[in-house]
Amino acid sequence: MTQVILPGQTIGVLGSGQLGRMLTLAARRMGYRVHTFSPDQDTPTGQIADVEIAAPYDDLDAIRAFARHVDVVTFEFENVPVEAAAAAAEIVPVRPSGRALHITQQRVREKAFLSARGFPVVPFATVRTKDTIDAALALVGAPAIVKTAAFGYDGKGQQRVASAQDAERAWQQFGEQEIVIERLVDLRLELSVVAARGMDGDIAHFGTLENSHRHHILDLTVAPAQVDAAVSSEAVRLTRAILMELDYVGVLCVEFFLTRRGTLLVNELAPRPHNSGHYSIDACITSQFEQQVRAVCGLPLGSTAQLRPAAMANLLGVLWMDGEPDWTAALKSSDVKLHLYGKTAARPRRKMGHLTALAESADLARSSVLAARAALTRRT
């Protein structure tokens, strides 16, 4: 029998960043209590959760104690140790599962999982020792991208290389840890599909989203993506198949490369709500965060219907370098929404918030959100 967690009960969140904050806002609106666990205090999630526990993730006794006071556990980023998820699972359900976390938090395991099941991925080779670098690069071809196998996000642990010497230097810079060497893609667009799978196996998706990155950090998302219907349909099909292969419960984002030849390649999986899905808070009947609450609590999934075309622009800490941004100027457009994450210190590459614009078309939404962000630092 499916264990349903009803409003009034408590959701435990491993992690305490902005994703947990937005998840908590959705959960509390639905009548849930939320406890958050991370090594930090006064966090974006902890500022609005009912209880904030500060302890290391490798303190498994603290994890177990945390789990005894909640009814279900989820996580808001994939670098939570698998051992922490397993310790929590001794006490309460953990959704998504520790298996899904184990696969998706490490690139070699993730790529092996996908390629073994026939999903299209960028050609790659794995390097564990210095003496295999030459052969790996020869197999993939140069130029290529070197990525750390673990703990890589927002461009961290990535470097473009043109030779075996470059690859060896990158391997050394990354601490001589396991790396993946990927073929450089003839890229047309970067896309993503955010979807959820419920306890009953039902799947709901938010369509195909178009993403632009700057310095490897997501800069802009436009929804819906301006691509052929066949491309969008195939991206959704692959996402559904991945959810089923993982026996997944919760929200998952599948990031894709679309090549200039029209081929879709799976880039990465994110076992949680995703930056590219933030627009859904303002533009969809059910946001990705409410959908996560519904899925992990065993409730029916909500409608993902989009009310209007939308675009989301990230706000990085660099916008604060010359003083407080001009929020009044950015919000002159009544169709622009501001979301700030409660972070007390601004650093140039740190995600501090985002803007979402709604409009009659995706192009207009894109123009509107970019204009609003530009107005933040337009000094008079």
Protein backbone atom coordinates (compact mmCIF):
# COMPACT_ATOMS: atom_id res chain seq x y z
CA MET A 1 0.00 0.00 0.00
CA THR A 2 1.34 3.44 -0.95
CA GLN A 3 2.29 5.55 2.03
CA VAL A 4 0.68 8.97 1.50
CA ILE A 5 2.03 11.91 3.48
CA LEU A 6 -0.87 14.29 4.07
CA PRO A 7 -0.93 18.05 4.76
CA GLY A 8 -0.14 18.66 8.40
CA GLN A 9 2.67 16.11 8.36
CA THR A 10 6.36 16.97 8.02
CA ILE A 11 8.70 16.91 5.03
CA GLY A 12 12.42 16.64 5.69
CA VAL A 13 14.77 18.31 3.21
CA LEU A 14 18.44 17.37 2.94
CA GLY A 15 20.07 20.57 1.70
CA SER A 16 19.24 24.18 2.45
CA GLY A 17 19.77 26.33 -0.65
CA GLN A 18 17.35 28.21 -2.87
CA LEU A 19 15.76 25.05 -4.26
CA GLY A 20 14.87 23.98 -0.75
CA ARG A 21 13.57 27.47 -0.04
CA MET A 22 11.15 27.39 -2.98
CA LEU A 23 10.17 23.81 -2.14
CA THR A 24 9.42 24.90 1.43
CA LEU A 25 7.29 27.82 0.24
CA ALA A 26 5.21 25.40 -1.86
CA ALA A 27 4.95 22.86 0.96
CA ARG A 28 3.91 25.36 3.60
CA ARG A 29 1.27 26.81 1.30
CA MET A 30 -0.18 23.29 1.09
CA GLY A 31 -0.20 22.91 4.88
CA TYR A 32 2.96 20.87 5.43
CA ARG A 33 5.63 21.46 8.01
CA VAL A 34 9.24 21.43 6.79
CA HIS A 35 12.52 20.57 8.52
CA THR A 36 15.83 21.19 6.75
CA PHE A 37 19.25 19.62 7.37
CA SER A 38 22.60 20.95 6.18
CA PRO A 39 25.98 21.97 7.63
CA ASP A 40 25.01 25.67 7.57
CA GLN A 41 22.81 28.05 9.55
CA ASP A 42 20.55 30.95 8.52
CA THR A 43 20.22 29.35 5.10
CA PRO A 44 17.77 30.20 2.30
CA THR A 45 15.69 27.16 3.31
CA GLY A 46 16.21 27.50 7.04
CA GLN A 47 14.93 31.09 7.06
CA ILE A 48 11.42 29.85 6.29
CA ALA A 49 11.42 26.20 7.40
CA ASP A 50 9.83 25.20 10.71
CA VAL A 51 13.08 23.63 11.92
CA GLU A 52 16.68 24.11 10.73
CA ILE A 53 19.24 21.50 11.77
CA ALA A 54 22.91 22.35 11.25
CA ALA A 55 25.17 19.28 11.20
CA PRO A 56 27.54 17.58 8.75
CA TYR A 57 26.03 15.21 6.20
CA ASP A 58 28.43 12.50 7.32
CA ASP A 59 27.04 12.62 10.88
CA LEU A 60 24.74 9.66 10.29
CA ASP A 61 23.43 9.66 13.85
CA ALA A 62 22.32 13.27 13.34
CA ILE A 63 20.68 12.25 10.06
CA ARG A 64 18.78 9.45 11.82
CA ALA A 65 17.68 11.82 14.58
CA PHE A 66 16.50 14.29 11.93
CA ALA A 67 14.53 11.54 10.16
CA ARG A 68 12.73 10.53 13.37
CA HIS A 69 10.99 13.92 13.43
CA VAL A 70 9.74 13.92 9.82
CA ASP A 71 7.43 11.73 7.74
CA VAL A 72 9.30 11.69 4.41
CA VAL A 73 12.74 12.87 3.28
CA THR A 74 13.73 14.44 -0.02
CA PHE A 75 16.81 16.38 -1.12
CA GLU A 76 17.33 19.67 -2.90
CA PHE A 77 20.74 19.02 -4.44
CA GLU A 78 22.47 15.89 -5.63
CA ASN A 79 25.71 16.14 -3.66
CA VAL A 80 24.12 14.78 -0.49
CA PRO A 81 26.13 11.64 0.39
CA VAL A 82 24.35 8.40 -0.48
CA GLU A 83 25.14 7.19 3.04
CA ALA A 84 23.06 10.08 4.44
CA ALA A 85 20.09 9.12 2.28
CA ALA A 86 20.49 5.48 3.33
CA ALA A 87 20.57 6.43 7.02
CA ALA A 88 17.38 8.47 6.64
CA ALA A 89 15.74 5.59 4.75
CA GLU A 90 16.18 3.39 7.83
CA ILE A 91 13.57 5.57 9.52
CA VAL A 92 11.25 7.06 6.85
CA PRO A 93 10.70 6.92 3.08
CA VAL A 94 13.30 8.78 1.01
CA ARG A 95 12.02 10.06 -2.35
CA PRO A 96 13.64 10.07 -4.87
CA SER A 97 15.42 6.88 -3.87
CA GLY A 98 19.01 6.52 -2.79
CA ARG A 99 19.58 4.49 -5.95
CA ALA A 100 18.55 7.42 -8.15
CA LEU A 101 20.78 9.73 -6.11
CA HIS A 102 23.73 7.31 -6.38
CA ILE A 103 23.45 7.16 -10.18
CA THR A 104 22.89 10.83 -10.90
CA GLN A 105 25.42 12.40 -8.54
CA GLN A 106 28.44 10.98 -10.36
CA ARG A 107 29.03 11.44 -14.09
CA VAL A 108 30.62 8.06 -14.79
CA ARG A 109 27.78 6.15 -13.16
CA GLU A 110 25.21 8.40 -14.83
CA LYS A 111 26.69 8.01 -18.31
CA ALA A 112 27.13 4.28 -17.86
CA PHE A 113 23.49 3.98 -16.79
CA LEU A 114 22.26 5.97 -19.79
CA SER A 115 24.48 4.40 -22.45
CA ALA A 116 23.81 0.86 -21.25
CA ARG A 117 20.09 1.46 -21.80
CA GLY A 118 20.48 2.96 -25.24
CA PHE A 119 19.92 6.62 -24.41
CA PRO A 120 21.85 8.99 -26.72
CA VAL A 121 24.81 10.55 -24.92
CA VAL A 122 27.85 12.54 -25.95
CA PRO A 123 30.72 10.14 -26.82
CA PHE A 124 32.94 9.90 -23.74
CA ALA A 125 35.80 8.08 -22.09
CA THR A 126 36.66 7.67 -18.42
CA VAL A 127 40.08 8.41 -16.97
CA ARG A 128 41.15 7.15 -13.55
CA THR A 129 44.94 7.22 -13.94
CA LYS A 130 47.45 9.41 -15.78
CA ASP A 131 48.56 6.65 -18.14
CA THR A 132 45.06 6.30 -19.67
CA ILE A 133 44.67 9.96 -20.67
CA ASP A 134 46.24 9.63 -24.14
CA ALA A 135 44.08 6.67 -25.12
CA ALA A 136 40.92 8.29 -23.78
CA LEU A 137 41.47 11.50 -25.72
CA ALA A 138 42.34 9.54 -28.87
CA LEU A 139 39.06 7.65 -28.52
CA VAL A 140 36.98 10.79 -28.06
CA GLY A 141 38.93 13.16 -30.30
CA ALA A 142 40.19 16.69 -29.71
CA PRO A 143 39.11 19.33 -28.93
CA ALA A 144 37.17 17.89 -26.00
CA ILE A 145 35.73 18.76 -22.61
CA VAL A 146 37.26 17.37 -19.42
CA LYS A 147 34.84 17.08 -16.49
CA THR A 148 35.29 15.81 -12.96
CA ALA A 149 33.27 12.67 -12.33
CA ALA A 150 31.89 14.02 -9.05
CA PHE A 151 30.81 17.33 -7.52
CA GLY A 152 30.42 19.29 -10.72
CA TYR A 153 27.70 21.86 -11.26
CA ASP A 154 27.36 25.39 -12.64
CA GLY A 155 30.49 24.87 -14.70
CA LYS A 156 32.63 23.77 -11.76
CA GLY A 157 35.08 21.01 -12.63
CA GLN A 158 34.99 21.54 -16.41
CA GLN A 159 37.72 22.54 -18.83
CA ARG A 160 38.11 22.55 -22.60
CA VAL A 161 41.25 20.79 -23.86
CA ALA A 162 42.93 20.59 -27.26
CA SER A 163 45.66 18.03 -26.59
CA ALA A 164 46.72 15.21 -24.30
CA GLN A 165 48.99 17.67 -22.52
CA ASP A 166 46.00 19.95 -21.85
CA ALA A 167 44.01 16.98 -20.58
CA GLU A 168 46.82 15.94 -18.24
CA ARG A 169 47.07 19.46 -16.84
CA ALA A 170 43.29 19.54 -16.30
CA TRP A 171 43.43 16.17 -14.54
CA GLN A 172 46.15 17.50 -12.24
CA GLN A 173 44.23 20.74 -11.57
CA PHE A 174 41.20 18.66 -10.60
CA GLY A 175 43.26 16.84 -7.97
CA GLU A 176 44.10 13.75 -10.05
CA GLN A 177 40.61 12.41 -9.41
CA GLU A 178 38.45 10.42 -11.82
CA ILE A 179 37.45 12.46 -14.87
CA VAL A 180 35.30 12.13 -17.97
CA ILE A 181 36.53 13.29 -21.36
CA GLU A 182 33.64 14.21 -23.68
CA ARG A 183 33.64 14.95 -27.38
CA LEU A 184 33.00 18.62 -28.15
CA VAL A 185 29.46 18.89 -29.51
CA ASP A 186 28.55 20.89 -32.61
CA LEU A 187 25.92 22.65 -30.56
CA ARG A 188 22.81 24.41 -31.82
CA LEU A 189 20.84 24.74 -28.59
CA GLU A 190 20.76 23.56 -24.99
CA LEU A 191 17.37 22.26 -23.90
CA SER A 192 15.87 20.73 -20.81
CA VAL A 193 12.76 18.86 -19.78
CA VAL A 194 11.56 19.08 -16.18
CA ALA A 195 9.17 16.25 -15.32
CA ALA A 196 7.77 14.42 -12.33
CA ARG A 197 6.79 10.83 -11.66
CA GLY A 198 4.36 10.04 -8.88
CA MET A 199 4.12 7.06 -6.55
CA ASP A 200 1.46 5.59 -8.83
CA GLY A 201 3.73 5.83 -11.90
CA ASP A 202 1.92 8.82 -13.39
CA ILE A 203 4.23 11.23 -15.24
CA ALA A 204 3.71 14.93 -15.87
CA HIS A 205 6.14 17.19 -17.73
CA PHE A 206 6.59 20.93 -18.31
CA GLY A 207 7.43 20.69 -22.00
CA THR A 208 10.76 21.51 -23.60
CA LEU A 209 12.68 24.53 -22.32
CA GLU A 210 15.39 26.51 -24.13
CA ASN A 211 18.44 27.42 -22.06
CA SER A 212 21.32 29.84 -22.53
CA HIS A 213 24.45 29.66 -20.40
CA ARG A 214 27.13 32.21 -19.58
CA HIS A 215 30.44 30.96 -18.16
CA HIS A 216 28.78 27.52 -17.79
CA ILE A 217 26.07 28.93 -15.49
CA LEU A 218 22.44 29.01 -16.61
CA ASP A 219 21.67 32.58 -17.63
CA LEU A 220 18.28 32.49 -19.35
CA THR A 221 15.43 30.00 -19.85
CA VAL A 222 12.65 30.52 -22.38
CA ALA A 223 9.46 28.48 -22.11
CA PRO A 224 8.34 26.97 -24.34
CA ALA A 225 11.49 26.31 -26.37
CA GLN A 226 11.37 27.55 -29.94
CA VAL A 227 12.11 24.18 -31.58
CA ASP A 228 10.33 21.84 -33.97
CA ALA A 229 7.51 19.81 -32.49
CA ALA A 230 9.38 16.61 -33.38
CA VAL A 231 12.41 17.69 -31.32
CA SER A 232 10.23 18.62 -28.35
CA SER A 233 8.31 15.35 -28.57
CA GLU A 234 11.52 13.31 -28.65
CA ALA A 235 12.97 15.17 -25.66
CA VAL A 236 9.82 14.44 -23.66
CA ARG A 237 9.84 10.78 -24.78
CA LEU A 238 13.42 10.31 -23.62
CA THR A 239 12.66 12.00 -20.30
CA ARG A 240 9.69 9.73 -19.66
CA ALA A 241 11.79 6.67 -20.47
CA ILE A 242 14.57 7.79 -18.09
CA LEU A 243 12.06 8.33 -15.27
CA MET A 244 10.72 4.82 -15.79
CA GLU A 245 14.17 3.21 -16.00
CA LEU A 246 15.11 4.85 -12.69
CA ASP A 247 11.76 3.88 -11.11
CA TYR A 248 11.86 7.50 -10.06
CA VAL A 249 9.57 9.34 -7.64
CA GLY A 250 9.84 13.12 -7.61
CA VAL A 251 10.94 15.87 -10.00
CA LEU A 252 13.79 15.19 -12.41
CA CYS A 253 15.40 17.47 -14.99
CA VAL A 254 17.01 16.04 -18.11
CA GLU A 255 19.43 18.44 -19.81
CA PHE A 256 19.92 17.97 -23.56
CA PHE A 257 22.25 19.13 -26.30
CA LEU A 258 20.61 19.69 -29.68
CA THR A 259 23.26 19.44 -32.40
CA ARG A 260 23.24 21.41 -35.64
CA ARG A 261 22.26 18.17 -37.39
CA GLY A 262 19.14 17.97 -35.24
CA THR A 263 20.31 15.17 -32.95
CA LEU A 264 19.32 15.17 -29.28
CA LEU A 265 21.95 14.05 -26.78
CA VAL A 266 21.39 13.65 -23.04
CA ASN A 267 23.90 15.86 -21.24
CA GLU A 268 23.08 15.50 -17.55
CA LEU A 269 20.38 14.46 -15.10
CA ALA A 270 19.40 16.52 -12.06
CA PRO A 271 17.44 14.50 -9.45
CA ARG A 272 15.51 17.49 -8.10
CA PRO A 273 13.73 20.65 -9.22
CA HIS A 274 15.97 22.56 -11.61
CA ASN A 275 16.98 26.16 -12.28
CA SER A 276 15.39 26.00 -15.74
CA GLY A 277 12.03 25.18 -14.15
CA HIS A 278 11.83 28.26 -11.94
CA TYR A 279 9.57 30.03 -14.45
CA SER A 280 6.85 27.52 -13.53
CA ILE A 281 6.22 29.27 -10.19
CA ASP A 282 4.63 32.18 -12.05
CA ALA A 283 3.68 30.68 -15.41
CA CYS A 284 2.16 27.24 -14.73
CA ILE A 285 -0.88 25.93 -12.90
CA THR A 286 1.42 23.72 -10.82
CA SER A 287 5.03 24.77 -10.22
CA GLN A 288 7.89 22.29 -10.26
CA PHE A 289 8.16 22.77 -6.48
CA GLU A 290 4.53 21.99 -5.74
CA GLN A 291 4.92 19.02 -8.07
CA GLN A 292 7.87 17.78 -6.00
CA VAL A 293 5.75 18.03 -2.84
CA ARG A 294 2.91 16.16 -4.49
CA ALA A 295 5.17 13.42 -5.85
CA VAL A 296 7.23 12.68 -2.75
CA CYS A 297 4.13 12.80 -0.53
CA GLY A 298 2.25 10.32 -2.72
CA LEU A 299 -0.42 12.78 -3.85
CA PRO A 300 -1.75 12.98 -7.43
CA LEU A 301 0.39 15.14 -9.70
CA GLY A 302 -0.89 18.59 -10.64
CA SER A 303 -1.52 20.10 -14.06
CA THR A 304 1.60 21.51 -15.71
CA ALA A 305 -0.38 23.64 -18.17
CA GLN A 306 1.41 26.90 -18.92
CA LEU A 307 -0.73 30.01 -18.61
CA ARG A 308 1.45 32.30 -20.78
CA PRO A 309 4.84 32.15 -22.50
CA ALA A 310 7.60 33.01 -20.06
CA ALA A 311 11.32 33.65 -19.67
CA MET A 312 13.51 33.41 -16.58
CA ALA A 313 16.81 35.25 -16.06
CA ASN A 314 19.21 34.41 -13.24
CA LEU A 315 20.51 37.14 -10.94
CA LEU A 316 24.13 36.48 -10.00
CA GLY A 317 26.10 38.22 -7.29
CA VAL A 318 28.01 40.33 -9.82
CA LEU A 319 24.90 42.54 -10.02
CA TRP A 320 25.59 43.64 -6.41
CA MET A 321 29.24 44.59 -6.96
CA ASP A 322 28.49 48.30 -7.46
CA GLY A 323 25.78 48.51 -4.81
CA GLU A 324 22.22 47.33 -4.31
CA PRO A 325 20.43 46.65 -7.63
CA ASP A 326 17.66 49.05 -8.62
CA TRP A 327 14.61 46.88 -7.94
CA THR A 328 12.17 49.66 -8.75
CA ALA A 329 13.55 50.01 -12.27
CA ALA A 330 13.41 46.26 -12.89
CA LEU A 331 9.82 46.00 -11.74
CA LYS A 332 8.41 48.83 -13.85
CA SER A 333 6.99 46.14 -16.11
CA SER A 334 3.94 44.72 -14.35
CA ASP A 335 4.55 41.33 -16.00
CA VAL A 336 7.98 40.86 -14.37
CA LYS A 337 8.25 38.89 -11.12
CA LEU A 338 11.18 39.08 -8.67
CA HIS A 339 12.44 36.14 -6.60
CA LEU A 340 15.30 36.63 -4.13
CA TYR A 341 16.82 33.77 -2.17
CA GLY A 342 17.71 35.33 1.16
CA LYS A 343 21.47 34.96 0.75
CA THR A 344 23.38 37.41 2.89
CA ALA A 345 26.63 37.58 0.92
CA ALA A 346 26.85 38.34 -2.81
CA ARG A 347 29.69 36.75 -4.78
CA PRO A 348 30.14 37.27 -8.54
CA ARG A 349 29.06 33.76 -9.66
CA ARG A 350 26.61 33.07 -6.84
CA LYS A 351 22.92 32.69 -7.69
CA MET A 352 21.14 35.33 -5.62
CA GLY A 353 17.71 35.24 -7.26
CA HIS A 354 15.88 35.35 -10.57
CA LEU A 355 13.42 37.37 -12.60
CA THR A 356 10.53 35.88 -14.56
CA ALA A 357 8.65 37.72 -17.31
CA LEU A 358 5.32 36.62 -18.81
CA ALA A 359 4.21 37.84 -22.24
CA GLU A 360 2.11 37.04 -25.28
CA SER A 361 5.01 35.24 -26.96
CA ALA A 362 8.27 33.59 -25.94
CA ASP A 363 10.27 36.23 -27.82
CA LEU A 364 8.51 39.06 -26.01
CA ALA A 365 9.05 37.35 -22.67
CA ARG A 366 12.75 36.98 -23.46
CA SER A 367 13.08 40.66 -24.36
CA SER A 368 11.13 41.76 -21.29
CA VAL A 369 13.14 39.77 -18.74
CA LEU A 370 16.47 40.82 -20.25
CA ALA A 371 15.41 44.48 -20.22
CA ALA A 372 14.33 44.18 -16.58
CA ARG A 373 17.65 42.64 -15.58
CA ALA A 374 19.61 45.31 -17.48
CA ALA A 375 17.65 47.99 -15.61
CA LEU A 376 18.93 46.66 -12.27
CA THR A 377 22.35 48.21 -12.76
CA ARG A 378 21.56 51.12 -15.07
CA ARG A 379 22.87 53.94 -12.92
CA THR A 380 21.57 57.51 -13.39
